[in-house]
C-alpha atoms as a PDB file:
ATOM      1  CA  MET A   1     173.294-120.071 212.428  1.00  0.00           C
ATOM      2  CA  GLU A   2     171.092-118.760 209.320  1.00  0.00           C
ATOM      3  CA  LEU A   3     169.587-115.897 210.912  1.00  0.00           C
ATOM      4  CA  ILE A   4     173.206-114.603 212.214  1.00  0.00           C
ATOM      5  CA  PHE A   5     174.275-114.907 208.569  1.00  0.00           C
ATOM      6  CA  GLU A   6     171.040-112.892 207.255  1.00  0.00           C
ATOM      7  CA  VAL A   7     171.297-109.959 209.652  1.00  0.00           C
ATOM      8  CA  LEU A   8     174.747-109.711 208.959  1.00  0.00           C
ATOM      9  CA  LYS A   9     173.932-109.268 205.141  1.00  0.00           C
ATOM     10  CA  PHE A  10     171.523-107.142 206.680  1.00  0.00           C
ATOM     11  CA  ILE A  11     173.421-104.799 208.015  1.00  0.00           C
ATOM     12  CA  ILE A  12     176.403-105.131 205.836  1.00  0.00           C
ATOM     13  CA  CYS A  13     174.320-103.635 202.929  1.00  0.00           C
ATOM     14  CA  SER A  14     173.004-100.924 205.033  1.00  0.00           C
ATOM     15  CA  LEU A  15     176.120 -99.441 205.525  1.00  0.00           C
ATOM     16  CA  ALA A  16     177.608 -99.819 202.575  1.00  0.00           C
ATOM     17  CA  ILE A  17     174.396 -97.466 201.287  1.00  0.00           C
ATOM     18  CA  VAL A  18     175.033 -95.396 203.664  1.00  0.00           C
ATOM     19  CA  LEU A  19     179.142 -95.317 203.577  1.00  0.00           C
ATOM     20  CA  ILE A  20     178.893 -94.993 199.299  1.00  0.00           C
ATOM     21  CA  SER A  21     176.231 -92.470 199.647  1.00  0.00           C
ATOM     22  CA  LYS A  22     177.782 -90.569 202.036  1.00  0.00           C
ATOM     23  CA  GLN A  23     181.873 -90.912 201.152  1.00  0.00           C
ATOM     24  CA  ILE A  24     181.156 -90.452 197.146  1.00  0.00           C
ATOM     25  CA  LEU A  25     177.268 -89.959 195.898  1.00  0.00           C
ATOM     26  CA  VAL A  26     177.326 -86.744 198.314  1.00  0.00           C
ATOM     27  CA  LYS A  27     180.765 -85.100 197.183  1.00  0.00           C
ATOM     28  CA  LEU A  28     179.783 -86.195 193.633  1.00  0.00           C
ATOM     29  CA  LEU A  29     176.606 -83.930 193.533  1.00  0.00           C
ATOM     30  CA  ARG A  30     178.566 -81.246 195.498  1.00  0.00           C
ATOM     31  CA  LYS A  31     180.937 -81.020 192.987  1.00  0.00           C
ATOM     32  CA  ILE A  32     178.317 -81.160 190.522  1.00  0.00           C
ATOM     33  CA  ALA A  33     176.776 -77.929 192.101  1.00  0.00           C
ATOM     34  CA  GLU A  34     179.599 -76.613 192.375  1.00  0.00           C
ATOM     35  CA  ILE A  35     180.377 -76.493 188.789  1.00  0.00           C
ATOM     36  CA  LEU A  36     177.223 -75.783 187.533  1.00  0.00           C
ATOM     37  CA  ASP A  37     177.870 -72.471 190.375  1.00  0.00           C
ATOM     38  CA  LEU A  38     174.579 -73.131 191.921  1.00  0.00           C
ATOM     39  CA  SER A  39     173.130 -70.989 195.258  1.00  0.00           C
ATOM     40  CA  PRO A  40     173.252 -72.848 198.962  1.00  0.00           C
ATOM     41  CA  LYS A  41     169.670 -73.185 198.345  1.00  0.00           C
ATOM     42  CA  ALA A  42     169.830 -75.435 195.197  1.00  0.00           C
ATOM     43  CA  VAL A  43     173.252 -76.767 196.444  1.00  0.00           C
ATOM     44  CA  GLY A  44     170.608 -77.897 199.784  1.00  0.00           C
ATOM     45  CA  ASN A  45     168.182 -79.344 197.160  1.00  0.00           C
ATOM     46  CA  VAL A  46     170.924 -81.497 194.959  1.00  0.00           C
ATOM     47  CA  ALA A  47     171.963 -83.199 198.873  1.00  0.00           C
ATOM     48  CA  GLY A  48     168.821 -83.964 199.475  1.00  0.00           C
ATOM     49  CA  VAL A  49     168.335 -85.624 196.592  1.00  0.00           C
ATOM     50  CA  ALA A  50     171.438 -87.439 197.399  1.00  0.00           C
ATOM     51  CA  THR A  51     170.537 -88.428 200.559  1.00  0.00           C
ATOM     52  CA  SER A  52     167.334 -89.690 199.834  1.00  0.00           C
ATOM     53  CA  MET A  53     169.265 -92.468 197.386  1.00  0.00           C
ATOM     54  CA  PRO A  54     169.534 -94.786 200.329  1.00  0.00           C
ATOM     55  CA  GLU A  55     165.688 -94.653 200.870  1.00  0.00           C
ATOM     56  CA  LEU A  56     164.976 -95.032 197.774  1.00  0.00           C
ATOM     57  CA  LEU A  57     166.709 -98.452 196.687  1.00  0.00           C
ATOM     58  CA  THR A  58     165.517 -99.366 200.149  1.00  0.00           C
ATOM     59  CA  VAL A  59     161.646 -98.492 199.799  1.00  0.00           C
ATOM     60  CA  PHE A  60     162.055 -99.793 195.851  1.00  0.00           C
ATOM     61  CA  PHE A  61     163.800-103.249 197.126  1.00  0.00           C
ATOM     62  CA  SER A  62     161.252-103.403 199.787  1.00  0.00           C
ATOM     63  CA  SER A  63     158.402-103.249 197.772  1.00  0.00           C
ATOM     64  CA  ILE A  64     159.723-105.348 194.978  1.00  0.00           C
ATOM     65  CA  GLN A  65     159.791-108.223 198.023  1.00  0.00           C
ATOM     66  CA  GLY A  66     155.778-107.608 198.792  1.00  0.00           C
ATOM     67  CA  LEU A  67     157.415-105.637 201.603  1.00  0.00           C
ATOM     68  CA  TYR A  68     155.750-102.600 201.659  1.00  0.00           C
ATOM     69  CA  GLY A  69     155.004-102.604 205.470  1.00  0.00           C
ATOM     70  CA  THR A  70     158.756-102.020 205.798  1.00  0.00           C
ATOM     71  CA  SER A  71     158.519 -99.192 203.165  1.00  0.00           C
ATOM     72  CA  ILE A  72     155.758 -96.902 205.164  1.00  0.00           C
ATOM     73  CA  TYR A  73     157.642 -97.320 208.420  1.00  0.00           C
ATOM     74  CA  ASN A  74     161.049 -96.622 206.923  1.00  0.00           C
ATOM     75  CA  ILE A  75     159.938 -93.136 204.995  1.00  0.00           C
ATOM     76  CA  ILE A  76     158.269 -92.185 208.535  1.00  0.00           C
ATOM     77  CA  SER A  77     161.703 -92.928 211.061  1.00  0.00           C
ATOM     78  CA  SER A  78     163.695 -91.703 208.262  1.00  0.00           C
ATOM     79  CA  ASN A  79     161.793 -88.031 208.395  1.00  0.00           C
ATOM     80  CA  VAL A  80     161.336 -88.123 211.755  1.00  0.00           C
ATOM     81  CA  ILE A  81     165.151 -88.690 212.400  1.00  0.00           C
ATOM     82  CA  ASN A  82     165.959 -86.054 209.844  1.00  0.00           C
ATOM     83  CA  PHE A  83     163.996 -83.357 211.159  1.00  0.00           C
ATOM     84  CA  ILE A  84     165.787 -84.057 214.683  1.00  0.00           C
ATOM     85  CA  GLN A  85     169.239 -84.283 213.544  1.00  0.00           C
ATOM     86  CA  TYR A  86     168.636 -80.837 211.855  1.00  0.00           C
ATOM     87  CA  ILE A  87     167.450 -79.434 214.886  1.00  0.00           C
ATOM     88  CA  TRP A  88     170.406 -80.806 216.755  1.00  0.00           C
ATOM     89  CA  SER A  89     172.312 -79.550 214.040  1.00  0.00           C
ATOM     90  CA  ILE A  90     171.110 -75.895 214.199  1.00  0.00           C
ATOM     91  CA  THR A  91     171.599 -75.839 217.920  1.00  0.00           C
ATOM     92  CA  ILE A  92     175.455 -77.285 217.923  1.00  0.00           C
ATOM     93  CA  ASN A  93     176.067 -74.379 215.529  1.00  0.00           C
ATOM     94  CA  LYS A  94     174.033 -71.651 217.393  1.00  0.00           C
ATOM     95  CA  ASN A  95     172.084 -70.761 214.582  1.00  0.00           C
ATOM     96  CA  TRP A  96     168.331 -70.808 216.070  1.00  0.00           C
ATOM     97  CA  LYS A  97     168.362 -66.856 215.824  1.00  0.00           C
ATOM     98  CA  ILE A  98     168.652 -67.633 211.609  1.00  0.00           C
ATOM     99  CA  LEU A  99     165.140 -69.723 211.696  1.00  0.00           C
ATOM    100  CA  LYS A 100     163.440 -66.312 212.934  1.00  0.00           C
ATOM    101  CA  ASN A 101     163.254 -65.526 209.091  1.00  0.00           C
ATOM    102  CA  LYS A 102     159.358 -66.510 208.257  1.00  0.00           C
ATOM    103  CA  ALA A 103     160.607 -67.882 204.972  1.00  0.00           C
ATOM    104  CA  LEU A 104     162.278 -70.966 206.944  1.00  0.00           C
ATOM    105  CA  LYS A 105     159.988 -71.427 208.996  1.00  0.00           C
ATOM    106  CA  ILE A 106     157.158 -71.799 206.495  1.00  0.00           C
ATOM    107  CA  GLU A 107     159.814 -74.491 204.753  1.00  0.00           C
ATOM    108  CA  ILE A 108     160.291 -76.197 208.444  1.00  0.00           C
ATOM    109  CA  GLY A 109     156.502 -76.237 208.523  1.00  0.00           C
ATOM    110  CA  ILE A 110     156.255 -78.220 205.627  1.00  0.00           C
ATOM    111  CA  VAL A 111     158.500 -80.628 206.390  1.00  0.00           C
ATOM    112  CA  VAL A 112     156.755 -80.953 209.821  1.00  0.00           C
ATOM    113  CA  PHE A 113     153.686 -81.730 207.481  1.00  0.00           C
ATOM    114  CA  THR A 114     155.963 -84.393 205.988  1.00  0.00           C
ATOM    115  CA  ILE A 115     155.793 -86.320 209.167  1.00  0.00           C
ATOM    116  CA  LEU A 116     151.893 -86.125 209.998  1.00  0.00           C
ATOM    117  CA  ILE A 117     151.268 -87.367 206.557  1.00  0.00           C
ATOM    118  CA  PRO A 118     152.493 -90.926 206.977  1.00  0.00           C
ATOM    119  CA  ILE A 119     151.780 -91.246 210.425  1.00  0.00           C
ATOM    120  CA  ALA A 120     148.058 -90.271 209.140  1.00  0.00           C
ATOM    121  CA  MET A 121     147.878 -92.951 206.401  1.00  0.00           C
ATOM    122  CA  LEU A 122     148.772 -95.721 208.836  1.00  0.00           C
ATOM    123  CA  ALA A 123     146.255 -94.367 211.234  1.00  0.00           C
ATOM    124  CA  ILE A 124     143.532 -94.494 208.826  1.00  0.00           C
ATOM    125  CA  GLY A 125     144.838 -97.357 206.916  1.00  0.00           C
ATOM    126  CA  MET A 126     145.201 -95.767 203.629  1.00  0.00           C
ATOM    127  CA  GLU A 127     149.571 -96.497 203.101  1.00  0.00           C
ATOM    128  CA  ASP A 128     148.882 -98.755 200.568  1.00  0.00           C
ATOM    129  CA  ASN A 129     146.338 -96.922 198.226  1.00  0.00           C
ATOM    130  CA  ILE A 130     147.192 -96.186 194.906  1.00  0.00           C
ATOM    131  CA  GLU A 131     144.323 -93.414 194.730  1.00  0.00           C
ATOM    132  CA  ILE A 132     147.267 -91.287 197.083  1.00  0.00           C
ATOM    133  CA  VAL A 133     149.330 -91.705 194.273  1.00  0.00           C
ATOM    134  CA  PRO A 134     148.559 -88.720 192.256  1.00  0.00           C
ATOM    135  CA  ILE A 135     147.499 -86.396 195.318  1.00  0.00           C
ATOM    136  CA  PHE A 136     150.979 -87.126 196.375  1.00  0.00           C
ATOM    137  CA  ILE A 137     152.809 -85.745 193.067  1.00  0.00           C
ATOM    138  CA  LEU A 138     150.022 -82.445 193.466  1.00  0.00           C
ATOM    139  CA  LEU A 139     151.294 -82.147 196.739  1.00  0.00           C
ATOM    140  CA  PHE A 140     154.824 -82.340 196.043  1.00  0.00           C
ATOM    141  CA  ILE A 141     154.472 -79.031 193.019  1.00  0.00           C
ATOM    142  CA  LEU A 142     152.269 -77.174 195.561  1.00  0.00           C
ATOM    143  CA  LEU A 143     154.374 -77.372 198.331  1.00  0.00           C
ATOM    144  CA  TYR A 144     158.141 -76.701 196.338  1.00  0.00           C
ATOM    145  CA  TYR A 145     155.624 -73.447 194.831  1.00  0.00           C
ATOM    146  CA  ILE A 146     154.638 -72.139 198.653  1.00  0.00           C
ATOM    147  CA  LYS A 147     158.599 -72.572 199.314  1.00  0.00           C
ATOM    148  CA  GLY A 148     159.708 -70.648 196.243  1.00  0.00           C
ATOM    149  CA  ASN A 149     157.313 -67.555 196.809  1.00  0.00           C
ATOM    150  CA  ALA A 150     158.039 -67.790 200.412  1.00  0.00           C
ATOM    151  CA  TYR A 151     161.883 -66.940 199.450  1.00  0.00           C
ATOM    152  CA  LYS A 152     161.010 -64.533 197.116  1.00  0.00           C
ATOM    153  CA  LEU A 153     158.227 -62.709 199.451  1.00  0.00           C
ATOM    154  CA  TYR A 154     160.680 -62.708 202.583  1.00  0.00           C
ATOM    155  CA  LYS A 155     163.777 -62.446 200.272  1.00  0.00           C
ATOM    156  CA  ILE A 156     165.916 -64.689 202.677  1.00  0.00           C
ATOM    157  CA  ASN A 157     168.388 -65.803 199.424  1.00  0.00           C
ATOM    158  CA  ALA A 158     170.076 -62.538 199.191  1.00  0.00           C
ATOM    159  CA  MET A 159     173.979 -62.897 200.068  1.00  0.00           C
ATOM    160  CA  SER A 160     176.517 -60.232 201.338  1.00  0.00           C
ATOM    161  CA  SER A 161     178.713 -58.762 198.878  1.00  0.00           C
ATOM    162  CA  LYS A 162     181.895 -59.980 200.755  1.00  0.00           C
ATOM    163  CA  GLU A 163     180.044 -63.570 201.467  1.00  0.00           C
ATOM    164  CA  GLU A 164     179.145 -63.594 197.698  1.00  0.00           C
ATOM    165  CA  GLU A 165     183.233 -62.667 196.922  1.00  0.00           C
ATOM    166  CA  GLU A 166     184.465 -65.030 198.991  1.00  0.00           C
ATOM    167  CA  ILE A 167     182.138 -68.071 197.688  1.00  0.00           C
ATOM    168  CA  GLN A 168     182.949 -67.018 193.952  1.00  0.00           C
ATOM    169  CA  LYS A 169     187.048 -67.739 194.926  1.00  0.00           C
ATOM    170  CA  GLU A 170     186.047 -71.219 195.999  1.00  0.00           C
ATOM    171  CA  LYS A 171     184.081 -71.715 192.460  1.00  0.00           C
ATOM    172  CA  LYS A 172     186.733 -70.039 190.007  1.00  0.00           C
ATOM    173  CA  TRP A 173     188.452 -73.247 189.634  1.00  0.00           C
ATOM    174  CA  VAL A 174     185.787 -75.063 187.923  1.00  0.00           C
ATOM    175  CA  LYS A 175     184.322 -72.479 185.844  1.00  0.00           C
ATOM    176  CA  ASN A 176     184.137 -73.854 182.403  1.00  0.00           C
ATOM    177  CA  LYS A 177     185.773 -77.308 183.462  1.00  0.00           C
ATOM    178  CA  LYS A 178     183.268 -79.198 181.571  1.00  0.00           C
ATOM    179  CA  LYS A 179     185.598 -82.488 181.190  1.00  0.00           C
ATOM    180  CA  LEU A 180     185.326 -82.374 184.921  1.00  0.00           C
ATOM    181  CA  ALA A 181     181.221 -82.334 184.920  1.00  0.00           C
ATOM    182  CA  VAL A 182     181.413 -84.663 181.895  1.00  0.00           C
ATOM    183  CA  ILE A 183     183.670 -87.431 184.374  1.00  0.00           C
ATOM    184  CA  THR A 184     181.665 -85.976 187.594  1.00  0.00           C
ATOM    185  CA  ILE A 185     178.546 -87.135 186.088  1.00  0.00           C
ATOM    186  CA  LEU A 186     180.162 -90.912 184.222  1.00  0.00           C
ATOM    187  CA  GLN A 187     181.249 -91.503 188.274  1.00  0.00           C
ATOM    188  CA  LEU A 188     177.852 -90.646 189.609  1.00  0.00           C
ATOM    189  CA  LEU A 189     176.262 -93.368 187.073  1.00  0.00           C
ATOM    190  CA  GLY A 190     178.999 -95.810 188.046  1.00  0.00           C
ATOM    191  CA  VAL A 191     178.137 -95.328 191.638  1.00  0.00           C
ATOM    192  CA  GLY A 192     174.245 -95.834 190.962  1.00  0.00           C
ATOM    193  CA  ILE A 193     174.775 -98.942 188.865  1.00  0.00           C
ATOM    194  CA  ILE A 194     177.058-100.258 192.369  1.00  0.00           C
ATOM    195  CA  LEU A 195     174.076 -98.953 194.416  1.00  0.00           C
ATOM    196  CA  PHE A 196     171.494-100.741 192.577  1.00  0.00           C
ATOM    197  CA  PHE A 197     173.399-104.507 193.144  1.00  0.00           C
ATOM    198  CA  ILE A 198     173.975-103.762 196.714  1.00  0.00           C
ATOM    199  CA  GLY A 199     169.771-102.753 196.931  1.00  0.00           C
ATOM    200  CA  ASN A 200     168.827-105.864 195.405  1.00  0.00           C
ATOM    201  CA  ILE A 201     170.932-107.909 197.753  1.00  0.00           C
ATOM    202  CA  LEU A 202     169.435-105.970 200.780  1.00  0.00           C
ATOM    203  CA  GLY A 203     165.864-106.567 199.344  1.00  0.00           C
ATOM    204  CA  ASN A 204     166.282-110.171 199.230  1.00  0.00           C
ATOM    205  CA  THR A 205     167.994-110.209 202.692  1.00  0.00           C
ATOM    206  CA  LEU A 206     164.775-108.615 203.854  1.00  0.00           C
ATOM    207  CA  ASP A 207     162.322-110.965 202.338  1.00  0.00           C
ATOM    208  CA  THR A 208     163.814-113.842 204.304  1.00  0.00           C
ATOM    209  CA  LEU A 209     164.052-112.018 207.364  1.00  0.00           C
ATOM    210  CA  SER A 210     160.559-110.946 207.266  1.00  0.00           C
ATOM    211  CA  THR A 211     159.299-114.332 205.566  1.00  0.00           C
ATOM    212  CA  ALA A 212     161.673-117.217 207.044  1.00  0.00           C
ATOM    213  CA  PHE A 213     162.242-115.462 210.662  1.00  0.00           C
ATOM    214  CA  GLY A 214     159.419-114.225 211.199  1.00  0.00           C
ATOM    215  CA  VAL A 215     160.783-110.138 212.044  1.00  0.00           C
ATOM    216  CA  PRO A 216     157.636-107.858 211.739  1.00  0.00           C
ATOM    217  CA  GLN A 217     158.111-105.467 208.958  1.00  0.00           C
ATOM    218  CA  ALA A 218     157.742-102.173 211.007  1.00  0.00           C
ATOM    219  CA  VAL A 219     160.968-103.387 212.787  1.00  0.00           C
ATOM    220  CA  ILE A 220     163.093-103.549 209.483  1.00  0.00           C
ATOM    221  CA  GLY A 221     161.983-100.455 208.604  1.00  0.00           C
ATOM    222  CA  ILE A 222     162.155 -98.370 211.902  1.00  0.00           C
ATOM    223  CA  ILE A 223     166.090 -99.902 211.621  1.00  0.00           C
ATOM    224  CA  LEU A 224     166.220 -98.764 207.980  1.00  0.00           C
ATOM    225  CA  GLY A 225     164.920 -95.295 208.800  1.00  0.00           C
ATOM    226  CA  PHE A 226     167.937 -94.772 211.410  1.00  0.00           C
ATOM    227  CA  VAL A 227     170.749 -96.397 209.165  1.00  0.00           C
ATOM    228  CA  THR A 228     169.570 -94.207 206.091  1.00  0.00           C
ATOM    229  CA  SER A 229     169.081 -90.980 207.834  1.00  0.00           C
ATOM    230  CA  ILE A 230     172.919 -90.989 208.729  1.00  0.00           C
ATOM    231  CA  PRO A 231     174.003 -88.946 205.431  1.00  0.00           C
ATOM    232  CA  GLU A 232     171.320 -85.999 206.320  1.00  0.00           C
ATOM    233  CA  LEU A 233     172.922 -85.281 209.700  1.00  0.00           C
ATOM    234  CA  ILE A 234     176.444 -85.121 207.956  1.00  0.00           C
ATOM    235  CA  THR A 235     175.240 -82.381 205.151  1.00  0.00           C
ATOM    236  CA  PHE A 236     173.236 -80.357 207.513  1.00  0.00           C
ATOM    237  CA  ILE A 237     176.763 -80.562 210.094  1.00  0.00           C
ATOM    238  CA  GLU A 238     178.775 -79.899 206.815  1.00  0.00           C
ATOM    239  CA  ALA A 239     176.374 -76.777 205.071  1.00  0.00           C
ATOM    240  CA  GLN A 240     176.631 -75.098 207.922  1.00  0.00           C
ATOM    241  CA  LYS A 241     180.303 -75.690 208.451  1.00  0.00           C
ATOM    242  CA  HIS A 242     181.033 -75.065 204.446  1.00  0.00           C
ATOM    243  CA  HIS A 243     179.451 -71.811 205.088  1.00  0.00           C
ATOM    244  CA  SER A 244     180.509 -70.699 208.747  1.00  0.00           C
ATOM    245  CA  LYS A 245     183.062 -68.076 207.339  1.00  0.00           C
ATOM    246  CA  ALA A 246     179.847 -65.837 206.855  1.00  0.00           C
ATOM    247  CA  THR A 247     178.930 -63.192 208.935  1.00  0.00           C
ATOM    248  CA  ASP A 248     176.003 -64.943 210.419  1.00  0.00           C
ATOM    249  CA  ASN A 249     176.068 -68.304 208.333  1.00  0.00           C
ATOM    250  CA  THR A 250     172.174 -67.485 206.693  1.00  0.00           C
ATOM    251  CA  GLN A 251     173.629 -69.003 203.735  1.00  0.00           C
ATOM    252  CA  GLY A 252     174.377 -72.315 205.656  1.00  0.00           C
ATOM    253  CA  VAL A 253     171.157 -72.713 207.413  1.00  0.00           C
ATOM    254  CA  ILE A 254     169.304 -71.960 204.067  1.00  0.00           C
ATOM    255  CA  GLU A 255     172.086 -75.112 202.824  1.00  0.00           C
ATOM    256  CA  ALA A 256     170.790 -77.337 205.380  1.00  0.00           C
ATOM    257  CA  THR A 257     167.157 -76.657 205.621  1.00  0.00           C
ATOM    258  CA  SER A 258     166.856 -76.752 201.641  1.00  0.00           C
ATOM    259  CA  ASN A 259     168.485 -80.275 202.025  1.00  0.00           C
ATOM    260  CA  LEU A 260     165.952 -81.186 204.842  1.00  0.00           C
ATOM    261  CA  PHE A 261     163.244 -80.270 203.201  1.00  0.00           C
ATOM    262  CA  ALA A 262     164.137 -81.975 199.595  1.00  0.00           C
ATOM    263  CA  SER A 263     165.144 -85.049 201.591  1.00  0.00           C
ATOM    264  CA  ASN A 264     161.744 -84.948 203.404  1.00  0.00           C
ATOM    265  CA  MET A 265     159.627 -84.292 200.449  1.00  0.00           C
ATOM    266  CA  LEU A 266     161.435 -86.812 198.221  1.00  0.00           C
ATOM    267  CA  ASN A 267     160.969 -89.492 200.307  1.00  0.00           C
ATOM    268  CA  LEU A 268     157.386 -88.793 201.365  1.00  0.00           C
ATOM    269  CA  PHE A 269     155.687 -88.067 197.495  1.00  0.00           C
ATOM    270  CA  VAL A 270     158.124 -89.324 195.299  1.00  0.00           C
ATOM    271  CA  ILE A 271     159.853 -92.326 196.939  1.00  0.00           C
ATOM    272  CA  GLU A 272     156.746 -93.283 198.734  1.00  0.00           C
ATOM    273  CA  SER A 273     154.853 -93.638 195.447  1.00  0.00           C
ATOM    274  CA  ILE A 274     157.433 -95.332 194.165  1.00  0.00           C
ATOM    275  CA  GLY A 275     156.963 -97.712 197.003  1.00  0.00           C
ATOM    276  CA  ILE A 276     153.170 -97.845 196.223  1.00  0.00           C
ATOM    277  CA  LEU A 277     153.214 -98.023 192.578  1.00  0.00           C
ATOM    278  CA  THR A 278     155.692-101.367 192.769  1.00  0.00           C
ATOM    279  CA  TYR A 279     154.359-102.730 195.383  1.00  0.00           C
ATOM    280  CA  MET A 280     151.006-102.565 193.296  1.00  0.00           C
ATOM    281  CA  ILE A 281     152.598-103.943 190.003  1.00  0.00           C
ATOM    282  CA  VAL A 282     154.153-106.526 192.254  1.00  0.00           C
ATOM    283  CA  LYS A 283     150.853-107.880 193.327  1.00  0.00           C
ATOM    284  CA  LEU A 284     149.934-107.679 190.158  1.00  0.00           C
ATOM    285  CA  PHE A 285     151.504-110.313 188.937  1.00  0.00           C
END
């Protein structure tokens, strides 16, 4: 009976994190992006940050409980599932021809790299090595630099005049709305506090499942990866639908690809580093 109760807590907390991220957090961040009049590439980056919040919470609280094995499997499964969902969203929206652009090919190549690295870390037993953290930071900066230069070199971020006009019409209502921006930021802080408390409950539940009932950390991590990747699927599809009025939906693909790129990069290089550092600190005390 106690095991069933803990499993239910795990399911409820995981779904709560995903639903809050999907229904509230992602929408608030898109509103901020529109208020700031950001480009589709920048909106994709913002969405990537938003959709990585479930991974940040689950990795952080897993590591606090000393369950670092859960974290690495969470990141691997999340990044793999993100990529599969991205490919599926491109397929159902019939946007494969846009991926012929070399800048997008480079970006997707880096995404594949973010999948292979954690798998290699597990294979050679370096998944909890603190020396990997500074390397991760350098790789994060370098790969973002490569992406930025690829976009400039192959000029993919240029909009048609008609599409730019449509986007400006949609954003006109939020211009000079400082009050709206402040309210939205306060709402984001409130959502962050709620997610923190739910994540804390989830961390305690994971500890109970692993230590008291012997559920393998790999199993927990993979399940978490599936759950925490749901917001990305929503944003990949929504990004392409949002720009569907355009001539070839290039901006929708740019936004979805930037979302995938930012999410996988954050998952591996930033959130994984946080997980390693948290785990090491917990071990010291």
